[in-house]
Amino acid sequence: MAIRVCLSVLLLAFLLAAGPFVQVARAQSEEEAATAEVVEGADLGIVGDDTQVFSDGPLSPAAGVETVCVFPKNAGKIVPAGEETELLVGLQNEGESTLNVVAIHSTLHLPYDHKMYGQNLTVQNFFNASVPVSVQATFPYTFVLSKFLQTGAYDLVGYIVYEIDQHPYQNVFYNGTVEVVEAGGLLSVESVFLITLGVALLGLFGLWAYGQVQQLSKVFFLFVS
């Protein structure tokens, strides 16, 4: 009975250990489905923080233009402060005209009040980045949070700005929560998890081995008697 319990616990531990890797595999599958064509021919330009994009007023999305956002190999949406974080922005043009992607930018907000900015993030300009009708394209976007930003949950809002017939439009490609951690925090969490799992498995193996020895001792004692 004790052996069956130990084996059940070992199986549960391995299933728990496999959980994060299953999430990563699922995220990679979603990434492949959402991103059809990475725009490599588009030139990039970095404007900088706190830069206003294009218009004094809010821009609306154009009809037939849809966007999606993927955090590559980062299903937990964990953002280390002071280090680069990459996003892939997928754009599908089902409108009536070719569109020209102008820029991607984002803002960080406190989760309980979007009027309170945590940080205005880098504006990334694109040059010669056109998306014809009925075409899907993917655009990379890299940003860096301030290393002095307090860790915790924040809301990230990402925008992609584009032109159709010289009229500016804007889509929100992401509006959700991200977890800000200290630089190297993700590695530390993984290390602690793996170490804890290893110790637990060694402990369970020790209990199983001890039960085996006890049973062999009883068999040997009965045999001798």
C-alpha atoms as a PDB file:
ATOM      1  CA  MET A   1       0.000   0.000   0.000  1.00  0.00           C
ATOM      2  CA  ALA A   2       2.799   2.401   0.911  1.00  0.00           C
ATOM      3  CA  ILE A   3       4.511   1.683  -2.412  1.00  0.00           C
ATOM      4  CA  ARG A   4       1.332   2.510  -4.366  1.00  0.00           C
ATOM      5  CA  VAL A   5       0.950   5.783  -2.472  1.00  0.00           C
ATOM      6  CA  CYS A   6       4.571   6.738  -3.213  1.00  0.00           C
ATOM      7  CA  LEU A   7       4.172   5.907  -6.917  1.00  0.00           C
ATOM      8  CA  SER A   8       0.970   7.962  -7.091  1.00  0.00           C
ATOM      9  CA  VAL A   9       2.709  10.914  -5.485  1.00  0.00           C
ATOM     10  CA  LEU A  10       5.632  10.578  -7.921  1.00  0.00           C
ATOM     11  CA  LEU A  11       3.230  10.556 -10.885  1.00  0.00           C
ATOM     12  CA  LEU A  12       1.468  13.661  -9.571  1.00  0.00           C
ATOM     13  CA  ALA A  13       4.817  15.422  -9.095  1.00  0.00           C
ATOM     14  CA  PHE A  14       5.845  14.688 -12.677  1.00  0.00           C
ATOM     15  CA  LEU A  15       2.498  15.965 -13.981  1.00  0.00           C
ATOM     16  CA  LEU A  16       2.944  19.182 -12.015  1.00  0.00           C
ATOM     17  CA  ALA A  17       6.470  19.545 -13.355  1.00  0.00           C
ATOM     18  CA  ALA A  18       5.270  19.114 -16.916  1.00  0.00           C
ATOM     19  CA  GLY A  19       2.602  21.805 -16.558  1.00  0.00           C
ATOM     20  CA  PRO A  20       4.779  24.847 -17.427  1.00  0.00           C
ATOM     21  CA  PHE A  21       6.272  23.077 -20.434  1.00  0.00           C
ATOM     22  CA  VAL A  22       2.792  22.223 -21.723  1.00  0.00           C
ATOM     23  CA  GLN A  23       1.834  25.895 -21.415  1.00  0.00           C
ATOM     24  CA  VAL A  24       4.919  26.940 -23.373  1.00  0.00           C
ATOM     25  CA  ALA A  25       4.151  24.408 -26.106  1.00  0.00           C
ATOM     26  CA  ARG A  26       0.565  25.665 -26.302  1.00  0.00           C
ATOM     27  CA  ALA A  27       1.768  29.263 -26.535  1.00  0.00           C
ATOM     28  CA  GLN A  28       4.140  28.367 -29.340  1.00  0.00           C
ATOM     29  CA  SER A  29       1.281  26.715 -31.248  1.00  0.00           C
ATOM     30  CA  GLU A  30      -0.852  29.838 -30.855  1.00  0.00           C
ATOM     31  CA  GLU A  31       2.085  31.902 -32.068  1.00  0.00           C
ATOM     32  CA  GLU A  32       2.417  29.823 -35.238  1.00  0.00           C
ATOM     33  CA  ALA A  33      -1.313  30.129 -35.916  1.00  0.00           C
ATOM     34  CA  ALA A  34      -1.481  33.857 -35.279  1.00  0.00           C
ATOM     35  CA  THR A  35       1.612  34.980 -37.156  1.00  0.00           C
ATOM     36  CA  ALA A  36       1.665  34.366 -40.862  1.00  0.00           C
ATOM     37  CA  GLU A  37       4.432  36.522 -42.250  1.00  0.00           C
ATOM     38  CA  VAL A  38       7.113  38.456 -40.394  1.00  0.00           C
ATOM     39  CA  VAL A  39       7.756  41.724 -42.165  1.00  0.00           C
ATOM     40  CA  GLU A  40      11.517  41.591 -42.603  1.00  0.00           C
ATOM     41  CA  GLY A  41      11.766  44.231 -45.314  1.00  0.00           C
ATOM     42  CA  ALA A  42      10.396  46.994 -43.118  1.00  0.00           C
ATOM     43  CA  ASP A  43      12.966  49.380 -41.724  1.00  0.00           C
ATOM     44  CA  LEU A  44      12.762  50.092 -38.003  1.00  0.00           C
ATOM     45  CA  GLY A  45      13.309  53.286 -36.093  1.00  0.00           C
ATOM     46  CA  ILE A  46      13.210  53.955 -32.364  1.00  0.00           C
ATOM     47  CA  VAL A  47      11.767  57.308 -31.355  1.00  0.00           C
ATOM     48  CA  GLY A  48      12.055  57.056 -27.583  1.00  0.00           C
ATOM     49  CA  ASP A  49       9.950  57.269 -24.455  1.00  0.00           C
ATOM     50  CA  ASP A  50       7.137  59.752 -23.886  1.00  0.00           C
ATOM     51  CA  THR A  51       6.747  60.421 -27.623  1.00  0.00           C
ATOM     52  CA  GLN A  52       3.298  61.210 -28.950  1.00  0.00           C
ATOM     53  CA  VAL A  53       2.312  59.282 -32.054  1.00  0.00           C
ATOM     54  CA  PHE A  54       0.813  61.067 -34.991  1.00  0.00           C
ATOM     55  CA  SER A  55      -2.269  62.817 -33.706  1.00  0.00           C
ATOM     56  CA  ASP A  56      -3.389  65.134 -30.948  1.00  0.00           C
ATOM     57  CA  GLY A  57      -6.621  63.201 -30.513  1.00  0.00           C
ATOM     58  CA  PRO A  58      -7.488  59.493 -30.211  1.00  0.00           C
ATOM     59  CA  LEU A  59      -7.418  57.434 -33.392  1.00  0.00           C
ATOM     60  CA  SER A  60     -10.016  54.828 -34.311  1.00  0.00           C
ATOM     61  CA  PRO A  61      -9.465  51.448 -35.980  1.00  0.00           C
ATOM     62  CA  ALA A  62     -10.171  51.009 -39.673  1.00  0.00           C
ATOM     63  CA  ALA A  63     -12.878  48.632 -40.857  1.00  0.00           C
ATOM     64  CA  GLY A  64     -11.592  45.152 -41.704  1.00  0.00           C
ATOM     65  CA  VAL A  65      -8.273  45.474 -39.837  1.00  0.00           C
ATOM     66  CA  GLU A  66      -7.774  42.947 -37.040  1.00  0.00           C
ATOM     67  CA  THR A  67      -4.792  42.514 -34.711  1.00  0.00           C
ATOM     68  CA  VAL A  68      -3.465  39.882 -32.322  1.00  0.00           C
ATOM     69  CA  CYS A  69      -0.544  39.850 -29.888  1.00  0.00           C
ATOM     70  CA  VAL A  70       1.811  37.021 -28.879  1.00  0.00           C
ATOM     71  CA  PHE A  71       4.451  36.937 -26.139  1.00  0.00           C
ATOM     72  CA  PRO A  72       7.017  34.527 -27.675  1.00  0.00           C
ATOM     73  CA  LYS A  73       8.034  31.755 -25.238  1.00  0.00           C
ATOM     74  CA  ASN A  74       6.452  33.741 -22.423  1.00  0.00           C
ATOM     75  CA  ALA A  75       3.018  32.281 -21.690  1.00  0.00           C
ATOM     76  CA  GLY A  76       3.010  33.860 -18.232  1.00  0.00           C
ATOM     77  CA  LYS A  77       3.523  37.377 -19.681  1.00  0.00           C
ATOM     78  CA  ILE A  78       6.381  38.023 -17.251  1.00  0.00           C
ATOM     79  CA  VAL A  79       8.288  41.252 -17.903  1.00  0.00           C
ATOM     80  CA  PRO A  80      11.696  41.739 -16.197  1.00  0.00           C
ATOM     81  CA  ALA A  81      12.252  45.393 -15.282  1.00  0.00           C
ATOM     82  CA  GLY A  82      15.289  46.882 -17.036  1.00  0.00           C
ATOM     83  CA  GLU A  83      15.484  44.119 -19.666  1.00  0.00           C
ATOM     84  CA  GLU A  84      14.124  43.897 -23.204  1.00  0.00           C
ATOM     85  CA  THR A  85      10.752  42.232 -23.698  1.00  0.00           C
ATOM     86  CA  GLU A  86       9.662  41.234 -27.190  1.00  0.00           C
ATOM     87  CA  LEU A  87       6.136  41.044 -28.560  1.00  0.00           C
ATOM     88  CA  LEU A  88       4.881  39.912 -31.948  1.00  0.00           C
ATOM     89  CA  VAL A  89       1.951  41.904 -33.290  1.00  0.00           C
ATOM     90  CA  GLY A  90      -0.089  40.133 -35.952  1.00  0.00           C
ATOM     91  CA  LEU A  91      -2.147  42.285 -38.332  1.00  0.00           C
ATOM     92  CA  GLN A  92      -4.718  41.101 -40.851  1.00  0.00           C
ATOM     93  CA  ASN A  93      -5.948  43.459 -43.553  1.00  0.00           C
ATOM     94  CA  GLU A  94      -9.424  42.540 -44.759  1.00  0.00           C
ATOM     95  CA  GLY A  95     -10.276  46.102 -45.780  1.00  0.00           C
ATOM     96  CA  GLU A  96     -10.474  47.586 -49.260  1.00  0.00           C
ATOM     97  CA  SER A  97      -7.040  49.255 -49.533  1.00  0.00           C
ATOM     98  CA  THR A  98      -3.397  48.593 -48.772  1.00  0.00           C
ATOM     99  CA  LEU A  99      -2.355  49.936 -45.384  1.00  0.00           C
ATOM    100  CA  ASN A 100       1.031  51.260 -44.277  1.00  0.00           C
ATOM    101  CA  VAL A 101       2.135  50.467 -40.730  1.00  0.00           C
ATOM    102  CA  VAL A 102       3.633  53.576 -39.134  1.00  0.00           C
ATOM    103  CA  ALA A 103       4.461  52.737 -35.526  1.00  0.00           C
ATOM    104  CA  ILE A 104       3.856  50.559 -32.494  1.00  0.00           C
ATOM    105  CA  HIS A 105       3.789  51.969 -28.993  1.00  0.00           C
ATOM    106  CA  SER A 106       2.425  51.020 -25.574  1.00  0.00           C
ATOM    107  CA  THR A 107       1.720  52.337 -22.116  1.00  0.00           C
ATOM    108  CA  LEU A 108       1.865  50.754 -18.681  1.00  0.00           C
ATOM    109  CA  HIS A 109      -0.918  51.485 -16.199  1.00  0.00           C
ATOM    110  CA  LEU A 110      -1.756  50.725 -12.614  1.00  0.00           C
ATOM    111  CA  PRO A 111      -4.298  47.889 -12.713  1.00  0.00           C
ATOM    112  CA  TYR A 112      -6.904  49.628 -10.561  1.00  0.00           C
ATOM    113  CA  ASP A 113      -6.866  52.941 -12.489  1.00  0.00           C
ATOM    114  CA  HIS A 114      -5.852  53.307 -16.143  1.00  0.00           C
ATOM    115  CA  LYS A 115      -5.690  57.075 -15.734  1.00  0.00           C
ATOM    116  CA  MET A 116      -2.546  56.571 -13.642  1.00  0.00           C
ATOM    117  CA  TYR A 117       0.415  55.803 -15.908  1.00  0.00           C
ATOM    118  CA  GLY A 118       3.172  53.558 -14.711  1.00  0.00           C
ATOM    119  CA  GLN A 119       5.323  54.346 -17.747  1.00  0.00           C
ATOM    120  CA  ASN A 120       5.047  55.487 -21.370  1.00  0.00           C
ATOM    121  CA  LEU A 121       7.035  52.958 -23.367  1.00  0.00           C
ATOM    122  CA  THR A 122       9.193  53.303 -26.451  1.00  0.00           C
ATOM    123  CA  VAL A 123       7.606  54.221 -29.766  1.00  0.00           C
ATOM    124  CA  GLN A 124       8.921  51.988 -32.551  1.00  0.00           C
ATOM    125  CA  ASN A 125       8.565  53.429 -36.049  1.00  0.00           C
ATOM    126  CA  PHE A 126       8.285  51.372 -39.236  1.00  0.00           C
ATOM    127  CA  PHE A 127       9.256  52.503 -42.726  1.00  0.00           C
ATOM    128  CA  ASN A 128       8.139  50.849 -45.959  1.00  0.00           C
ATOM    129  CA  ALA A 129       5.896  48.427 -44.049  1.00  0.00           C
ATOM    130  CA  SER A 130       2.827  47.949 -46.214  1.00  0.00           C
ATOM    131  CA  VAL A 131       0.174  45.239 -45.870  1.00  0.00           C
ATOM    132  CA  PRO A 132      -1.943  44.587 -48.984  1.00  0.00           C
ATOM    133  CA  VAL A 133      -5.588  43.531 -48.868  1.00  0.00           C
ATOM    134  CA  SER A 134      -6.253  39.939 -47.676  1.00  0.00           C
ATOM    135  CA  VAL A 135      -2.714  39.617 -46.279  1.00  0.00           C
ATOM    136  CA  GLN A 136      -1.572  38.804 -42.751  1.00  0.00           C
ATOM    137  CA  ALA A 137       1.710  40.215 -41.456  1.00  0.00           C
ATOM    138  CA  THR A 138       3.641  40.141 -38.200  1.00  0.00           C
ATOM    139  CA  PHE A 139       5.599  43.030 -36.688  1.00  0.00           C
ATOM    140  CA  PRO A 140       8.118  42.760 -33.838  1.00  0.00           C
ATOM    141  CA  TYR A 141       7.948  45.186 -30.950  1.00  0.00           C
ATOM    142  CA  THR A 142      10.548  45.448 -28.195  1.00  0.00           C
ATOM    143  CA  PHE A 143      10.233  47.577 -25.076  1.00  0.00           C
ATOM    144  CA  VAL A 144      12.110  48.019 -21.806  1.00  0.00           C
ATOM    145  CA  LEU A 145      10.531  48.869 -18.465  1.00  0.00           C
ATOM    146  CA  SER A 146      12.362  51.103 -16.030  1.00  0.00           C
ATOM    147  CA  LYS A 147      14.604  49.107 -13.714  1.00  0.00           C
ATOM    148  CA  PHE A 148      13.294  51.259 -10.859  1.00  0.00           C
ATOM    149  CA  LEU A 149       9.685  50.199 -11.452  1.00  0.00           C
ATOM    150  CA  GLN A 150       8.118  48.434  -8.500  1.00  0.00           C
ATOM    151  CA  THR A 151       7.417  44.768  -9.123  1.00  0.00           C
ATOM    152  CA  GLY A 152       3.868  43.467  -9.320  1.00  0.00           C
ATOM    153  CA  ALA A 153       0.925  43.268 -11.694  1.00  0.00           C
ATOM    154  CA  TYR A 154       0.351  46.069 -14.197  1.00  0.00           C
ATOM    155  CA  ASP A 155      -1.903  46.572 -17.188  1.00  0.00           C
ATOM    156  CA  LEU A 156      -0.159  46.906 -20.547  1.00  0.00           C
ATOM    157  CA  VAL A 157      -1.968  48.617 -23.426  1.00  0.00           C
ATOM    158  CA  GLY A 158      -0.370  48.278 -26.856  1.00  0.00           C
ATOM    159  CA  TYR A 159      -1.244  50.244 -30.008  1.00  0.00           C
ATOM    160  CA  ILE A 160      -0.371  49.826 -33.671  1.00  0.00           C
ATOM    161  CA  VAL A 161      -0.722  52.963 -35.852  1.00  0.00           C
ATOM    162  CA  TYR A 162      -1.176  52.722 -39.614  1.00  0.00           C
ATOM    163  CA  GLU A 163      -2.294  54.773 -42.611  1.00  0.00           C
ATOM    164  CA  ILE A 164      -4.870  54.045 -45.293  1.00  0.00           C
ATOM    165  CA  ASP A 165      -5.020  56.571 -48.125  1.00  0.00           C
ATOM    166  CA  GLN A 166      -2.976  58.962 -45.945  1.00  0.00           C
ATOM    167  CA  HIS A 167      -5.532  58.825 -43.110  1.00  0.00           C
ATOM    168  CA  PRO A 168      -4.186  57.627 -39.736  1.00  0.00           C
ATOM    169  CA  TYR A 169      -5.845  54.793 -37.813  1.00  0.00           C
ATOM    170  CA  GLN A 170      -4.997  52.873 -34.682  1.00  0.00           C
ATOM    171  CA  ASN A 171      -5.801  49.421 -33.257  1.00  0.00           C
ATOM    172  CA  VAL A 172      -5.302  48.241 -29.689  1.00  0.00           C
ATOM    173  CA  PHE A 173      -3.489  44.924 -30.110  1.00  0.00           C
ATOM    174  CA  TYR A 174      -3.168  44.157 -26.392  1.00  0.00           C
ATOM    175  CA  ASN A 175      -4.963  45.341 -23.280  1.00  0.00           C
ATOM    176  CA  GLY A 176      -4.232  43.033 -20.379  1.00  0.00           C
ATOM    177  CA  THR A 177      -2.176  42.238 -17.321  1.00  0.00           C
ATOM    178  CA  VAL A 178       1.561  41.585 -17.225  1.00  0.00           C
ATOM    179  CA  GLU A 179       3.688  40.596 -14.235  1.00  0.00           C
ATOM    180  CA  VAL A 180       6.682  42.853 -13.666  1.00  0.00           C
ATOM    181  CA  VAL A 181       9.581  41.137 -11.895  1.00  0.00           C
ATOM    182  CA  GLU A 182      13.136  42.092 -11.004  1.00  0.00           C
ATOM    183  CA  ALA A 183      15.813  41.430 -13.609  1.00  0.00           C
ATOM    184  CA  GLY A 184      16.642  37.741 -13.473  1.00  0.00           C
ATOM    185  CA  GLY A 185      13.492  37.038 -11.472  1.00  0.00           C
ATOM    186  CA  LEU A 186      12.122  34.535 -13.962  1.00  0.00           C
ATOM    187  CA  LEU A 187      15.340  32.533 -13.851  1.00  0.00           C
ATOM    188  CA  SER A 188      15.308  32.547 -10.059  1.00  0.00           C
ATOM    189  CA  VAL A 189      11.740  31.300  -9.935  1.00  0.00           C
ATOM    190  CA  GLU A 190      12.543  28.479 -12.345  1.00  0.00           C
ATOM    191  CA  SER A 191      15.649  27.551 -10.391  1.00  0.00           C
ATOM    192  CA  VAL A 192      13.782  27.451  -7.091  1.00  0.00           C
ATOM    193  CA  PHE A 193      11.029  25.359  -8.675  1.00  0.00           C
ATOM    194  CA  LEU A 194      13.457  22.837 -10.146  1.00  0.00           C
ATOM    195  CA  ILE A 195      15.452  22.569  -6.932  1.00  0.00           C
ATOM    196  CA  THR A 196      12.292  22.091  -4.862  1.00  0.00           C
ATOM    197  CA  LEU A 197      11.000  19.481  -7.281  1.00  0.00           C
ATOM    198  CA  GLY A 198      14.319  17.633  -7.218  1.00  0.00           C
ATOM    199  CA  VAL A 199      14.406  17.546  -3.419  1.00  0.00           C
ATOM    200  CA  ALA A 200      10.791  16.338  -3.309  1.00  0.00           C
ATOM    201  CA  LEU A 201      11.486  13.554  -5.808  1.00  0.00           C
ATOM    202  CA  LEU A 202      14.591  12.464  -3.922  1.00  0.00           C
ATOM    203  CA  GLY A 203      12.581  12.397  -0.706  1.00  0.00           C
ATOM    204  CA  LEU A 204       9.843  10.297  -2.283  1.00  0.00           C
ATOM    205  CA  PHE A 205      12.405   7.946  -3.767  1.00  0.00           C
ATOM    206  CA  GLY A 206      13.989   7.591  -0.331  1.00  0.00           C
ATOM    207  CA  LEU A 207      10.623   6.693   1.214  1.00  0.00           C
ATOM    208  CA  TRP A 208       9.988   4.147  -1.526  1.00  0.00           C
ATOM    209  CA  ALA A 209      13.446   2.607  -1.078  1.00  0.00           C
ATOM    210  CA  TYR A 210      12.960   2.486   2.700  1.00  0.00           C
ATOM    211  CA  GLY A 211       9.632   0.654   2.238  1.00  0.00           C
ATOM    212  CA  GLN A 212      11.319  -1.838  -0.097  1.00  0.00           C
ATOM    213  CA  VAL A 213      14.067  -2.499   2.429  1.00  0.00           C
ATOM    214  CA  GLN A 214      11.503  -2.993   5.201  1.00  0.00           C
ATOM    215  CA  GLN A 215       9.600  -5.529   3.130  1.00  0.00           C
ATOM    216  CA  LEU A 216      12.773  -7.413   2.196  1.00  0.00           C
ATOM    217  CA  SER A 217      13.789  -7.462   5.846  1.00  0.00           C
ATOM    218  CA  LYS A 218      10.449  -8.994   6.827  1.00  0.00           C
ATOM    219  CA  VAL A 219      10.717 -11.620   4.092  1.00  0.00           C
ATOM    220  CA  PHE A 220      14.260 -12.451   5.140  1.00  0.00           C
ATOM    221  CA  PHE A 221      13.223 -12.674   8.808  1.00  0.00           C
ATOM    222  CA  LEU A 222      10.349 -15.044   7.975  1.00  0.00           C
ATOM    223  CA  PHE A 223      12.658 -17.141   5.825  1.00  0.00           C
ATOM    224  CA  VAL A 224      15.252 -17.430   8.572  1.00  0.00           C
ATOM    225  CA  SER A 225      12.595 -18.250  11.160  1.00  0.00           C
END
